Amino acid sequence: MLAQCAWCREEAFKFDRAGSYGLYAGNLRAAILQLKFQCRERLGKRLGKLLLSVWGRVEEAYPGELPVVVPVPLHPSRQRERGFNQAELLALGLSRGLARAGRSAVPCVETRCLRRTRATAPQTGLSLRARRENVRGVFSVVRPECVRERVVVLVDDVMTTGATLSASAGALKGAGARAVFALTLARATPQFPASAASPPAPAVDDFGPSRP
């Protein structure tokens, strides 16, 4: 049995299961920071293909299901500032990777289903309790028919405390989602187990130079 951190003991998550490609450290962390803050938009879809190594956990948990993939949204003001939503790019990269792997059924990526209704302060630097309060009631589902009675794979770049993913999952379940699997490229602490032993983090150079 895995030891639980103080946050896990205090707060029951709204998502049912979670999986990550690797730890938020080293070259994987560097690649995520390049994606988010150096406008390497194309890198997002390439990083999304790494989630293929975790997809087996989704299939094992929900055999015979074709989940719907929902990226965690940014507030419109933040997305305009950045120019893209990194979680959406990861989700699209995952979907393309599954298609190229020859899957007979590829999950649909719903980018306009879940909305962030108000801008929030960045989670970085906030306490565990403050993170939870910061995202309380922030998310809403505007197209409930997309998730009703479905298994939803909720995609984001990094899981730190799980507060954002839990708030998102709560909104999805409130709209009728049957189950939510939180899938992230990286996790900030080992308390959130990956599908297996963490794979070696990719070198930033493995993804090539940024392009206009």
N, C-alpha and C. Protein backbone atom coordinates (compact mmCIF):
# COMPACT_ATOMS: atom_id res chain seq x y z
N MET A 1 0.85 -1.20 0.00
CA MET A 1 0.00 0.00 0.00
C MET A 1 0.89 1.24 0.00
N LEU A 2 0.56 2.21 -0.87
CA LEU A 2 1.36 3.42 -0.97
C LEU A 2 1.07 4.34 0.21
N ALA A 3 2.10 4.97 0.74
CA ALA A 3 1.91 5.96 1.79
C ALA A 3 1.19 7.17 1.21
N GLN A 4 0.30 7.76 1.99
CA GLN A 4 -0.42 8.93 1.53
C GLN A 4 0.17 10.18 2.14
N CYS A 5 0.23 11.24 1.32
CA CYS A 5 0.69 12.52 1.83
C CYS A 5 -0.44 13.16 2.64
N ALA A 6 -0.12 14.25 3.34
CA ALA A 6 -1.12 14.91 4.18
C ALA A 6 -2.32 15.37 3.36
N TRP A 7 -2.06 15.84 2.14
CA TRP A 7 -3.15 16.30 1.27
C TRP A 7 -4.10 15.16 0.94
N CYS A 8 -3.55 13.99 0.60
CA CYS A 8 -4.38 12.84 0.23
C CYS A 8 -5.24 12.40 1.41
N ARG A 9 -4.67 12.45 2.63
CA ARG A 9 -5.42 12.04 3.80
C ARG A 9 -6.54 13.02 4.11
N GLU A 10 -6.31 14.29 3.80
CA GLU A 10 -7.28 15.33 4.15
C GLU A 10 -8.38 15.45 3.11
N GLU A 11 -8.06 15.27 1.86
CA GLU A 11 -8.99 15.57 0.78
C GLU A 11 -9.20 14.36 -0.11
N ALA A 12 -10.44 13.94 -0.27
CA ALA A 12 -10.76 12.86 -1.21
C ALA A 12 -10.86 13.46 -2.60
N PHE A 13 -10.11 12.91 -3.53
CA PHE A 13 -10.12 13.44 -4.89
C PHE A 13 -11.41 13.08 -5.61
N LYS A 14 -11.83 13.94 -6.53
CA LYS A 14 -13.04 13.70 -7.30
C LYS A 14 -12.76 12.81 -8.51
N PHE A 15 -11.50 12.72 -8.95
CA PHE A 15 -11.20 11.78 -10.03
C PHE A 15 -11.04 10.39 -9.42
N ASP A 16 -11.24 9.37 -10.27
CA ASP A 16 -11.24 7.99 -9.77
C ASP A 16 -9.85 7.36 -9.79
N ARG A 17 -9.08 7.66 -10.80
CA ARG A 17 -7.74 7.13 -10.94
C ARG A 17 -6.85 8.20 -11.55
N ALA A 18 -5.53 7.98 -11.43
CA ALA A 18 -4.60 8.94 -12.00
C ALA A 18 -3.35 8.22 -12.50
N GLY A 19 -2.74 8.77 -13.53
CA GLY A 19 -1.50 8.23 -14.06
C GLY A 19 -0.68 9.34 -14.68
N SER A 20 0.63 9.21 -14.60
CA SER A 20 1.54 10.21 -15.17
C SER A 20 2.66 9.52 -15.91
N TYR A 21 3.22 10.22 -16.89
CA TYR A 21 4.35 9.67 -17.64
C TYR A 21 5.59 9.59 -16.77
N GLY A 22 5.88 10.63 -16.01
CA GLY A 22 7.10 10.64 -15.19
C GLY A 22 7.08 11.76 -14.18
N LEU A 23 8.18 11.90 -13.47
CA LEU A 23 8.30 12.94 -12.46
C LEU A 23 8.63 14.30 -13.09
N TYR A 24 8.14 15.34 -12.46
CA TYR A 24 8.39 16.70 -12.92
C TYR A 24 9.80 17.11 -12.48
N ALA A 25 10.77 16.65 -13.22
CA ALA A 25 12.17 16.89 -12.86
C ALA A 25 13.03 16.73 -14.12
N GLY A 26 14.25 17.23 -14.04
CA GLY A 26 15.21 17.02 -15.11
C GLY A 26 14.74 17.53 -16.46
N ASN A 27 15.00 16.73 -17.49
CA ASN A 27 14.70 17.15 -18.85
C ASN A 27 13.20 17.20 -19.14
N LEU A 28 12.43 16.38 -18.45
CA LEU A 28 10.98 16.44 -18.66
C LEU A 28 10.44 17.78 -18.17
N ARG A 29 10.90 18.21 -17.01
CA ARG A 29 10.50 19.52 -16.50
C ARG A 29 10.95 20.63 -17.46
N ALA A 30 12.17 20.53 -17.96
CA ALA A 30 12.68 21.55 -18.88
C ALA A 30 11.83 21.62 -20.14
N ALA A 31 11.41 20.47 -20.65
CA ALA A 31 10.60 20.44 -21.86
C ALA A 31 9.23 21.08 -21.62
N ILE A 32 8.63 20.81 -20.45
CA ILE A 32 7.33 21.39 -20.14
C ILE A 32 7.44 22.91 -20.00
N LEU A 33 8.51 23.38 -19.36
CA LEU A 33 8.71 24.82 -19.21
C LEU A 33 8.94 25.49 -20.56
N GLN A 34 9.66 24.82 -21.45
CA GLN A 34 9.84 25.36 -22.80
C GLN A 34 8.51 25.48 -23.51
N LEU A 35 7.69 24.46 -23.38
CA LEU A 35 6.37 24.49 -24.01
C LEU A 35 5.55 25.67 -23.51
N LYS A 36 5.48 25.85 -22.20
CA LYS A 36 4.58 26.84 -21.62
C LYS A 36 5.08 28.27 -21.73
N PHE A 37 6.40 28.46 -21.61
CA PHE A 37 6.90 29.82 -21.47
C PHE A 37 7.83 30.29 -22.59
N GLN A 38 8.13 29.39 -23.54
CA GLN A 38 8.94 29.80 -24.68
C GLN A 38 8.20 29.61 -26.00
N CYS A 39 6.88 29.49 -25.89
CA CYS A 39 6.00 29.45 -27.07
C CYS A 39 6.36 28.34 -28.05
N ARG A 40 6.80 27.19 -27.52
CA ARG A 40 7.10 26.06 -28.40
C ARG A 40 5.85 25.21 -28.56
N GLU A 41 4.89 25.78 -29.29
CA GLU A 41 3.57 25.17 -29.41
C GLU A 41 3.63 23.77 -30.02
N ARG A 42 4.45 23.60 -31.04
CA ARG A 42 4.52 22.29 -31.69
C ARG A 42 5.08 21.21 -30.76
N LEU A 43 5.86 21.65 -29.80
CA LEU A 43 6.41 20.70 -28.84
C LEU A 43 5.31 20.03 -28.03
N GLY A 44 4.19 20.74 -27.82
CA GLY A 44 3.10 20.19 -27.02
C GLY A 44 2.55 18.90 -27.59
N LYS A 45 2.31 18.86 -28.88
CA LYS A 45 1.76 17.66 -29.50
C LYS A 45 2.77 16.52 -29.48
N ARG A 46 4.05 16.86 -29.59
CA ARG A 46 5.07 15.82 -29.55
C ARG A 46 5.19 15.24 -28.13
N LEU A 47 5.09 16.12 -27.15
CA LEU A 47 5.10 15.62 -25.77
C LEU A 47 3.85 14.80 -25.47
N GLY A 48 2.74 15.16 -26.09
CA GLY A 48 1.51 14.42 -25.87
C GLY A 48 1.62 12.96 -26.26
N LYS A 49 2.47 12.67 -27.22
CA LYS A 49 2.65 11.28 -27.65
C LYS A 49 3.27 10.42 -26.54
N LEU A 50 3.96 11.06 -25.60
CA LEU A 50 4.54 10.30 -24.49
C LEU A 50 3.45 9.68 -23.62
N LEU A 51 2.27 10.26 -23.65
CA LEU A 51 1.18 9.73 -22.85
C LEU A 51 0.70 8.37 -23.35
N LEU A 52 1.13 7.98 -24.53
CA LEU A 52 0.80 6.65 -25.03
C LEU A 52 1.29 5.56 -24.08
N SER A 53 2.41 5.82 -23.40
CA SER A 53 2.97 4.81 -22.51
C SER A 53 2.12 4.61 -21.26
N VAL A 54 1.20 5.55 -20.98
CA VAL A 54 0.34 5.45 -19.82
C VAL A 54 -1.08 5.01 -20.22
N TRP A 55 -1.38 5.08 -21.51
CA TRP A 55 -2.74 4.82 -21.97
C TRP A 55 -3.20 3.40 -21.61
N GLY A 56 -2.26 2.48 -21.51
CA GLY A 56 -2.62 1.12 -21.14
C GLY A 56 -3.32 1.04 -19.80
N ARG A 57 -2.99 1.94 -18.89
CA ARG A 57 -3.66 1.96 -17.58
C ARG A 57 -5.13 2.31 -17.73
N VAL A 58 -5.43 3.20 -18.67
CA VAL A 58 -6.83 3.57 -18.91
C VAL A 58 -7.59 2.36 -19.44
N GLU A 59 -6.99 1.66 -20.39
CA GLU A 59 -7.64 0.49 -20.99
C GLU A 59 -7.82 -0.63 -19.97
N GLU A 60 -6.83 -0.79 -19.08
CA GLU A 60 -6.96 -1.82 -18.04
C GLU A 60 -8.06 -1.47 -17.04
N ALA A 61 -8.19 -0.20 -16.73
CA ALA A 61 -9.18 0.23 -15.74
C ALA A 61 -10.60 0.17 -16.31
N TYR A 62 -10.73 0.46 -17.61
CA TYR A 62 -12.05 0.53 -18.22
C TYR A 62 -12.06 -0.27 -19.53
N PRO A 63 -11.95 -1.59 -19.44
CA PRO A 63 -11.90 -2.42 -20.64
C PRO A 63 -13.18 -2.32 -21.46
N GLY A 64 -12.99 -2.24 -22.77
CA GLY A 64 -14.13 -2.18 -23.68
C GLY A 64 -14.74 -0.80 -23.83
N GLU A 65 -14.22 0.19 -23.09
CA GLU A 65 -14.74 1.55 -23.17
C GLU A 65 -13.95 2.37 -24.19
N LEU A 66 -14.62 3.32 -24.81
CA LEU A 66 -13.95 4.32 -25.63
C LEU A 66 -14.12 5.65 -24.91
N PRO A 67 -13.12 6.06 -24.12
CA PRO A 67 -13.27 7.28 -23.33
C PRO A 67 -13.32 8.53 -24.22
N VAL A 68 -13.77 9.61 -23.64
CA VAL A 68 -13.66 10.91 -24.26
C VAL A 68 -12.53 11.64 -23.55
N VAL A 69 -11.68 12.31 -24.30
CA VAL A 69 -10.52 13.00 -23.74
C VAL A 69 -10.85 14.49 -23.60
N VAL A 70 -10.66 15.02 -22.40
CA VAL A 70 -10.98 16.42 -22.11
C VAL A 70 -9.76 17.10 -21.50
N PRO A 71 -9.18 18.09 -22.17
CA PRO A 71 -8.05 18.82 -21.57
C PRO A 71 -8.53 19.80 -20.51
N VAL A 72 -7.74 19.99 -19.47
CA VAL A 72 -8.05 21.01 -18.46
C VAL A 72 -7.94 22.38 -19.13
N PRO A 73 -8.98 23.20 -19.06
CA PRO A 73 -8.95 24.47 -19.79
C PRO A 73 -8.20 25.57 -19.04
N LEU A 74 -7.69 26.52 -19.80
CA LEU A 74 -7.21 27.78 -19.25
C LEU A 74 -8.37 28.77 -19.27
N HIS A 75 -8.28 29.80 -18.47
CA HIS A 75 -9.24 30.89 -18.61
C HIS A 75 -8.97 31.59 -19.94
N PRO A 76 -10.02 32.06 -20.64
CA PRO A 76 -9.80 32.70 -21.94
C PRO A 76 -8.75 33.80 -21.94
N SER A 77 -8.68 34.58 -20.87
CA SER A 77 -7.68 35.65 -20.81
C SER A 77 -6.27 35.09 -20.77
N ARG A 78 -6.07 33.99 -20.03
CA ARG A 78 -4.76 33.36 -19.96
C ARG A 78 -4.39 32.70 -21.29
N GLN A 79 -5.38 32.11 -21.95
CA GLN A 79 -5.10 31.46 -23.22
C GLN A 79 -4.76 32.49 -24.29
N ARG A 80 -5.43 33.63 -24.27
CA ARG A 80 -5.09 34.69 -25.23
C ARG A 80 -3.67 35.18 -25.00
N GLU A 81 -3.29 35.30 -23.74
CA GLU A 81 -1.94 35.75 -23.40
C GLU A 81 -0.88 34.76 -23.86
N ARG A 82 -1.14 33.47 -23.64
CA ARG A 82 -0.16 32.44 -24.00
C ARG A 82 -0.24 32.08 -25.48
N GLY A 83 -1.43 32.14 -26.04
CA GLY A 83 -1.61 31.80 -27.44
C GLY A 83 -2.10 30.39 -27.68
N PHE A 84 -2.10 29.56 -26.64
CA PHE A 84 -2.56 28.19 -26.75
C PHE A 84 -2.76 27.63 -25.34
N ASN A 85 -3.43 26.49 -25.28
CA ASN A 85 -3.60 25.76 -24.02
C ASN A 85 -2.72 24.52 -24.09
N GLN A 86 -1.74 24.43 -23.22
CA GLN A 86 -0.78 23.32 -23.29
C GLN A 86 -1.47 21.97 -23.07
N ALA A 87 -2.49 21.92 -22.21
CA ALA A 87 -3.20 20.66 -21.97
C ALA A 87 -3.92 20.20 -23.23
N GLU A 88 -4.46 21.14 -23.98
CA GLU A 88 -5.13 20.79 -25.24
C GLU A 88 -4.14 20.22 -26.24
N LEU A 89 -2.95 20.80 -26.32
CA LEU A 89 -1.93 20.29 -27.24
C LEU A 89 -1.52 18.87 -26.85
N LEU A 90 -1.37 18.62 -25.56
CA LEU A 90 -1.02 17.28 -25.10
C LEU A 90 -2.11 16.28 -25.47
N ALA A 91 -3.37 16.68 -25.28
CA ALA A 91 -4.49 15.79 -25.61
C ALA A 91 -4.52 15.48 -27.10
N LEU A 92 -4.29 16.48 -27.93
CA LEU A 92 -4.29 16.26 -29.37
C LEU A 92 -3.11 15.39 -29.79
N GLY A 93 -1.97 15.58 -29.14
CA GLY A 93 -0.81 14.74 -29.44
C GLY A 93 -1.07 13.30 -29.07
N LEU A 94 -1.73 13.08 -27.94
CA LEU A 94 -2.09 11.73 -27.52
C LEU A 94 -3.03 11.09 -28.54
N SER A 95 -4.04 11.83 -28.97
CA SER A 95 -5.01 11.30 -29.93
C SER A 95 -4.33 10.93 -31.24
N ARG A 96 -3.46 11.79 -31.72
CA ARG A 96 -2.74 11.50 -32.97
C ARG A 96 -1.83 10.29 -32.81
N GLY A 97 -1.20 10.19 -31.64
CA GLY A 97 -0.33 9.04 -31.40
C GLY A 97 -1.11 7.73 -31.42
N LEU A 98 -2.31 7.74 -30.83
CA LEU A 98 -3.14 6.54 -30.82
C LEU A 98 -3.57 6.18 -32.24
N ALA A 99 -3.88 7.19 -33.04
CA ALA A 99 -4.28 6.94 -34.43
C ALA A 99 -3.13 6.34 -35.22
N ARG A 100 -1.95 6.87 -35.03
CA ARG A 100 -0.79 6.37 -35.78
C ARG A 100 -0.34 5.00 -35.29
N ALA A 101 -0.74 4.66 -34.07
CA ALA A 101 -0.42 3.33 -33.55
C ALA A 101 -1.36 2.26 -34.12
N GLY A 102 -2.30 2.70 -34.94
CA GLY A 102 -3.18 1.74 -35.60
C GLY A 102 -4.39 1.34 -34.80
N ARG A 103 -4.78 2.15 -33.81
CA ARG A 103 -5.97 1.80 -33.04
C ARG A 103 -7.21 1.88 -33.92
N SER A 104 -8.06 0.90 -33.80
CA SER A 104 -9.28 0.88 -34.61
C SER A 104 -10.26 1.95 -34.16
N ALA A 105 -10.22 2.31 -32.87
CA ALA A 105 -11.09 3.36 -32.33
C ALA A 105 -10.24 4.34 -31.55
N VAL A 106 -10.28 5.59 -31.95
CA VAL A 106 -9.48 6.63 -31.31
C VAL A 106 -10.42 7.55 -30.55
N PRO A 107 -10.12 7.84 -29.28
CA PRO A 107 -11.02 8.69 -28.49
C PRO A 107 -11.13 10.10 -29.05
N CYS A 108 -12.30 10.66 -28.94
CA CYS A 108 -12.54 12.04 -29.36
C CYS A 108 -11.96 13.00 -28.32
N VAL A 109 -11.36 14.09 -28.79
CA VAL A 109 -10.86 15.12 -27.89
C VAL A 109 -11.88 16.26 -27.88
N GLU A 110 -12.48 16.49 -26.73
CA GLU A 110 -13.48 17.55 -26.58
C GLU A 110 -12.83 18.78 -25.95
N THR A 111 -12.55 19.78 -26.78
CA THR A 111 -11.85 20.96 -26.30
C THR A 111 -12.80 22.07 -25.85
N ARG A 112 -14.09 21.94 -26.12
CA ARG A 112 -15.05 22.99 -25.76
C ARG A 112 -16.12 22.50 -24.80
N CYS A 113 -15.80 21.46 -24.10
CA CYS A 113 -16.76 20.87 -23.17
C CYS A 113 -16.64 21.46 -21.77
N LEU A 114 -15.41 21.53 -21.29
CA LEU A 114 -15.12 22.02 -19.94
C LEU A 114 -14.59 23.44 -20.03
N ARG A 115 -15.14 24.33 -19.20
CA ARG A 115 -14.73 25.73 -19.20
C ARG A 115 -14.26 26.17 -17.82
N ARG A 116 -13.31 27.10 -17.84
CA ARG A 116 -12.87 27.75 -16.59
C ARG A 116 -13.62 29.07 -16.53
N THR A 117 -14.48 29.25 -15.52
CA THR A 117 -15.42 30.36 -15.51
C THR A 117 -14.85 31.66 -14.98
N ARG A 118 -13.74 31.62 -14.28
CA ARG A 118 -13.12 32.85 -13.79
C ARG A 118 -11.61 32.67 -13.73
N ALA A 119 -10.92 33.76 -13.88
CA ALA A 119 -9.47 33.73 -13.79
C ALA A 119 -9.07 33.52 -12.33
N THR A 120 -8.00 32.75 -12.13
CA THR A 120 -7.52 32.48 -10.78
C THR A 120 -6.05 32.82 -10.68
N ALA A 121 -5.60 32.99 -9.46
CA ALA A 121 -4.17 33.20 -9.24
C ALA A 121 -3.42 31.91 -9.59
N PRO A 122 -2.17 32.02 -10.06
CA PRO A 122 -1.40 30.81 -10.31
C PRO A 122 -1.30 29.95 -9.06
N GLN A 123 -1.35 28.64 -9.25
CA GLN A 123 -1.27 27.73 -8.12
C GLN A 123 0.12 27.69 -7.50
N THR A 124 1.13 28.01 -8.28
CA THR A 124 2.51 27.94 -7.80
C THR A 124 2.69 28.83 -6.56
N GLY A 125 3.25 28.26 -5.52
CA GLY A 125 3.53 29.02 -4.31
C GLY A 125 2.42 29.00 -3.28
N LEU A 126 1.24 28.48 -3.65
CA LEU A 126 0.13 28.43 -2.71
C LEU A 126 0.23 27.18 -1.84
N SER A 127 -0.31 27.27 -0.63
CA SER A 127 -0.36 26.11 0.25
C SER A 127 -1.36 25.10 -0.30
N LEU A 128 -1.35 23.89 0.24
CA LEU A 128 -2.27 22.87 -0.22
C LEU A 128 -3.72 23.32 -0.08
N ARG A 129 -4.05 23.86 1.08
CA ARG A 129 -5.42 24.31 1.31
C ARG A 129 -5.78 25.48 0.39
N ALA A 130 -4.84 26.39 0.19
CA ALA A 130 -5.10 27.54 -0.68
C ALA A 130 -5.30 27.12 -2.13
N ARG A 131 -4.57 26.11 -2.56
CA ARG A 131 -4.76 25.59 -3.93
C ARG A 131 -6.18 25.09 -4.11
N ARG A 132 -6.68 24.35 -3.11
CA ARG A 132 -8.03 23.82 -3.20
C ARG A 132 -9.05 24.95 -3.27
N GLU A 133 -8.89 25.97 -2.42
CA GLU A 133 -9.84 27.08 -2.41
C GLU A 133 -9.74 27.90 -3.70
N ASN A 134 -8.54 28.00 -4.25
CA ASN A 134 -8.31 28.80 -5.45
C ASN A 134 -9.11 28.29 -6.64
N VAL A 135 -9.33 26.97 -6.71
CA VAL A 135 -10.03 26.40 -7.87
C VAL A 135 -11.43 25.90 -7.53
N ARG A 136 -11.90 26.18 -6.34
CA ARG A 136 -13.23 25.73 -5.95
C ARG A 136 -14.29 26.42 -6.81
N GLY A 137 -15.14 25.66 -7.48
CA GLY A 137 -16.22 26.22 -8.29
C GLY A 137 -15.78 26.91 -9.55
N VAL A 138 -14.52 26.70 -9.96
CA VAL A 138 -13.99 27.42 -11.13
C VAL A 138 -14.43 26.80 -12.44
N PHE A 139 -14.68 25.48 -12.45
CA PHE A 139 -14.94 24.79 -13.71
C PHE A 139 -16.42 24.48 -13.90
N SER A 140 -16.87 24.54 -15.15
CA SER A 140 -18.23 24.16 -15.48
C SER A 140 -18.23 23.42 -16.82
N VAL A 141 -19.24 22.59 -17.01
CA VAL A 141 -19.38 21.83 -18.25
C VAL A 141 -20.47 22.49 -19.08
N VAL A 142 -20.11 22.91 -20.29
CA VAL A 142 -21.07 23.62 -21.14
C VAL A 142 -21.69 22.70 -22.18
N ARG A 143 -21.14 21.51 -22.33
CA ARG A 143 -21.72 20.53 -23.25
C ARG A 143 -21.83 19.19 -22.53
N PRO A 144 -22.78 19.08 -21.61
CA PRO A 144 -22.88 17.86 -20.79
C PRO A 144 -23.14 16.61 -21.61
N GLU A 145 -23.75 16.75 -22.78
CA GLU A 145 -24.01 15.57 -23.60
C GLU A 145 -22.73 14.88 -24.06
N CYS A 146 -21.62 15.59 -24.04
CA CYS A 146 -20.34 15.00 -24.46
C CYS A 146 -19.77 14.04 -23.43
N VAL A 147 -20.16 14.21 -22.17
CA VAL A 147 -19.56 13.40 -21.10
C VAL A 147 -20.56 12.56 -20.33
N ARG A 148 -21.84 12.77 -20.57
CA ARG A 148 -22.85 12.05 -19.79
C ARG A 148 -22.73 10.55 -19.99
N GLU A 149 -22.62 9.82 -18.88
CA GLU A 149 -22.49 8.36 -18.86
C GLU A 149 -21.23 7.86 -19.58
N ARG A 150 -20.23 8.72 -19.70
CA ARG A 150 -18.99 8.35 -20.38
C ARG A 150 -17.84 8.27 -19.38
N VAL A 151 -16.81 7.51 -19.76
CA VAL A 151 -15.54 7.56 -19.06
C VAL A 151 -14.75 8.72 -19.65
N VAL A 152 -14.26 9.61 -18.81
CA VAL A 152 -13.53 10.80 -19.27
C VAL A 152 -12.07 10.68 -18.87
N VAL A 153 -11.18 10.91 -19.81
CA VAL A 153 -9.76 11.03 -19.52
C VAL A 153 -9.42 12.51 -19.49
N LEU A 154 -9.11 13.01 -18.32
CA LEU A 154 -8.84 14.42 -18.09
C LEU A 154 -7.33 14.65 -18.21
N VAL A 155 -6.92 15.49 -19.15
CA VAL A 155 -5.49 15.65 -19.47
C VAL A 155 -4.97 17.01 -18.99
N ASP A 156 -3.81 16.99 -18.35
CA ASP A 156 -3.11 18.23 -17.97
C ASP A 156 -1.62 17.99 -18.05
N ASP A 157 -0.83 19.06 -17.89
CA ASP A 157 0.61 18.90 -18.02
C ASP A 157 1.25 18.37 -16.75
N VAL A 158 0.92 18.96 -15.59
CA VAL A 158 1.57 18.56 -14.34
C VAL A 158 0.54 18.40 -13.23
N MET A 159 0.66 17.33 -12.45
CA MET A 159 -0.11 17.15 -11.24
C MET A 159 0.79 17.46 -10.05
N THR A 160 0.42 18.45 -9.28
CA THR A 160 1.20 18.81 -8.09
C THR A 160 0.49 18.29 -6.85
N THR A 161 -0.62 18.91 -6.48
CA THR A 161 -1.42 18.41 -5.36
C THR A 161 -2.67 17.67 -5.84
N GLY A 162 -3.03 17.84 -7.11
CA GLY A 162 -4.24 17.25 -7.64
C GLY A 162 -5.46 18.14 -7.48
N ALA A 163 -5.29 19.36 -6.95
CA ALA A 163 -6.43 20.24 -6.69
C ALA A 163 -7.16 20.64 -7.97
N THR A 164 -6.42 21.06 -8.99
CA THR A 164 -7.04 21.48 -10.25
C THR A 164 -7.74 20.31 -10.93
N LEU A 165 -7.09 19.17 -10.96
CA LEU A 165 -7.69 17.99 -11.58
C LEU A 165 -8.92 17.55 -10.82
N SER A 166 -8.88 17.62 -9.50
CA SER A 166 -10.03 17.22 -8.69
C SER A 166 -11.21 18.15 -8.92
N ALA A 167 -10.96 19.46 -8.99
CA ALA A 167 -12.04 20.41 -9.24
C ALA A 167 -12.64 20.19 -10.62
N SER A 168 -11.78 19.91 -11.61
CA SER A 168 -12.27 19.64 -12.97
C SER A 168 -13.11 18.38 -12.99
N ALA A 169 -12.61 17.34 -12.32
CA ALA A 169 -13.33 16.07 -12.29
C ALA A 169 -14.68 16.23 -11.60
N GLY A 170 -14.73 17.06 -10.56
CA GLY A 170 -16.00 17.28 -9.88
C GLY A 170 -17.04 17.89 -10.81
N ALA A 171 -16.62 18.83 -11.64
CA ALA A 171 -17.54 19.44 -12.61
C ALA A 171 -18.00 18.42 -13.64
N LEU A 172 -17.09 17.58 -14.11
CA LEU A 172 -17.44 16.56 -15.10
C LEU A 172 -18.42 15.54 -14.53
N LYS A 173 -18.17 15.13 -13.30
CA LYS A 173 -19.09 14.17 -12.68
C LYS A 173 -20.44 14.81 -12.39
N GLY A 174 -20.43 16.09 -12.04
CA GLY A 174 -21.69 16.79 -11.83
C GLY A 174 -22.52 16.87 -13.10
N ALA A 175 -21.83 16.80 -14.26
CA ALA A 175 -22.52 16.82 -15.55
C ALA A 175 -22.88 15.43 -16.03
N GLY A 176 -22.57 14.41 -15.23
CA GLY A 176 -23.00 13.06 -15.57
C GLY A 176 -21.92 12.10 -16.00
N ALA A 177 -20.64 12.52 -15.98
CA ALA A 177 -19.56 11.59 -16.33
C ALA A 177 -19.57 10.41 -15.37
N ARG A 178 -19.39 9.21 -15.90
CA ARG A 178 -19.45 8.01 -15.07
C ARG A 178 -18.16 7.80 -14.29
N ALA A 179 -17.03 8.14 -14.88
CA ALA A 179 -15.74 7.98 -14.21
C ALA A 179 -14.76 8.96 -14.85
N VAL A 180 -13.75 9.38 -14.08
CA VAL A 180 -12.74 10.31 -14.58
C VAL A 180 -11.36 9.77 -14.25
N PHE A 181 -10.53 9.63 -15.27
CA PHE A 181 -9.13 9.22 -15.12
C PHE A 181 -8.27 10.46 -15.38
N ALA A 182 -7.51 10.88 -14.40
CA ALA A 182 -6.63 12.05 -14.55
C ALA A 182 -5.29 11.62 -15.13
N LEU A 183 -4.97 12.11 -16.30
CA LEU A 183 -3.76 11.71 -17.01
C LEU A 183 -2.88 12.93 -17.23
N THR A 184 -1.67 12.90 -16.67
CA THR A 184 -0.77 14.04 -16.80
C THR A 184 0.58 13.61 -17.35
N LEU A 185 1.25 14.56 -17.97
CA LEU A 185 2.58 14.29 -18.48
C LEU A 185 3.56 14.08 -17.33
N ALA A 186 3.42 14.87 -16.28
CA ALA A 186 4.36 14.78 -15.15
C ALA A 186 3.60 14.90 -13.84
N ARG A 187 4.19 14.38 -12.79
CA ARG A 187 3.68 14.55 -11.44
C ARG A 187 4.81 15.13 -10.60
N ALA A 188 4.45 16.00 -9.67
CA ALA A 188 5.47 16.73 -8.92
C ALA A 188 6.05 15.93 -7.78
N THR A 189 5.32 14.91 -7.30
CA THR A 189 5.80 14.12 -6.18
C THR A 189 5.56 12.64 -6.45
N PRO A 190 6.34 11.77 -5.86
CA PRO A 190 6.16 10.33 -6.07
C PRO A 190 4.88 9.77 -5.48
N GLN A 191 4.14 10.56 -4.67
CA GLN A 191 2.93 10.01 -4.06
C GLN A 191 1.89 9.63 -5.11
N PHE A 192 1.96 10.27 -6.30
CA PHE A 192 1.03 9.94 -7.36
C PHE A 192 1.72 8.94 -8.27
N PRO A 193 1.38 7.65 -8.20
CA PRO A 193 2.12 6.64 -8.95
C PRO A 193 1.92 6.73 -10.45
N ALA A 194 2.97 6.45 -11.21
CA ALA A 194 2.87 6.33 -12.65
C ALA A 194 2.42 4.92 -12.98
N SER A 195 2.34 4.61 -14.27
CA SER A 195 1.86 3.30 -14.68
C SER A 195 2.83 2.21 -14.27
N ALA A 196 4.09 2.56 -14.15
CA ALA A 196 5.12 1.61 -13.74
C ALA A 196 6.28 2.44 -13.26
N ALA A 197 7.46 1.84 -13.22
CA ALA A 197 8.64 2.64 -12.88
C ALA A 197 8.76 3.76 -13.89
N SER A 198 9.11 4.94 -13.41
CA SER A 198 9.17 6.09 -14.30
C SER A 198 10.16 5.86 -15.43
N PRO A 199 9.73 6.09 -16.68
CA PRO A 199 10.65 5.94 -17.80
C PRO A 199 11.68 7.05 -17.77
N PRO A 200 12.80 6.87 -18.45
CA PRO A 200 13.78 7.94 -18.49
C PRO A 200 13.20 9.18 -19.13
N ALA A 201 13.43 10.31 -18.50
CA ALA A 201 12.90 11.55 -19.05
C ALA A 201 13.55 11.86 -20.38
N PRO A 202 12.77 12.39 -21.34
CA PRO A 202 13.34 12.70 -22.63
C PRO A 202 14.25 13.91 -22.55
N ALA A 203 15.27 13.92 -23.35
CA ALA A 203 16.11 15.11 -23.46
C ALA A 203 15.36 16.15 -24.26
N VAL A 204 15.51 17.41 -23.87
CA VAL A 204 14.84 18.48 -24.60
C VAL A 204 15.23 18.46 -26.06
N ASP A 205 16.48 18.16 -26.36
CA ASP A 205 16.95 18.14 -27.74
C ASP A 205 16.27 17.05 -28.56
N ASP A 206 15.69 16.05 -27.89
CA ASP A 206 15.03 14.98 -28.63
C ASP A 206 13.85 15.49 -29.43
N PHE A 207 13.33 16.67 -29.07
CA PHE A 207 12.13 17.17 -29.72
C PHE A 207 12.44 18.19 -30.81
N GLY A 208 13.70 18.46 -31.02
CA GLY A 208 14.08 19.32 -32.13
C GLY A 208 13.89 20.79 -31.82
N PRO A 209 14.38 21.66 -32.67
CA PRO A 209 14.27 23.10 -32.45
C PRO A 209 12.84 23.58 -32.67
N SER A 210 12.54 24.69 -32.06
CA SER A 210 11.21 25.29 -32.28
C SER A 210 11.14 25.82 -33.68
N ARG A 211 9.92 25.87 -34.19
CA ARG A 211 9.72 26.36 -35.57
C ARG A 211 8.67 27.44 -35.54
N PRO A 212 8.71 28.32 -36.51
CA PRO A 212 7.71 29.41 -36.53
C PRO A 212 6.33 28.85 -36.87
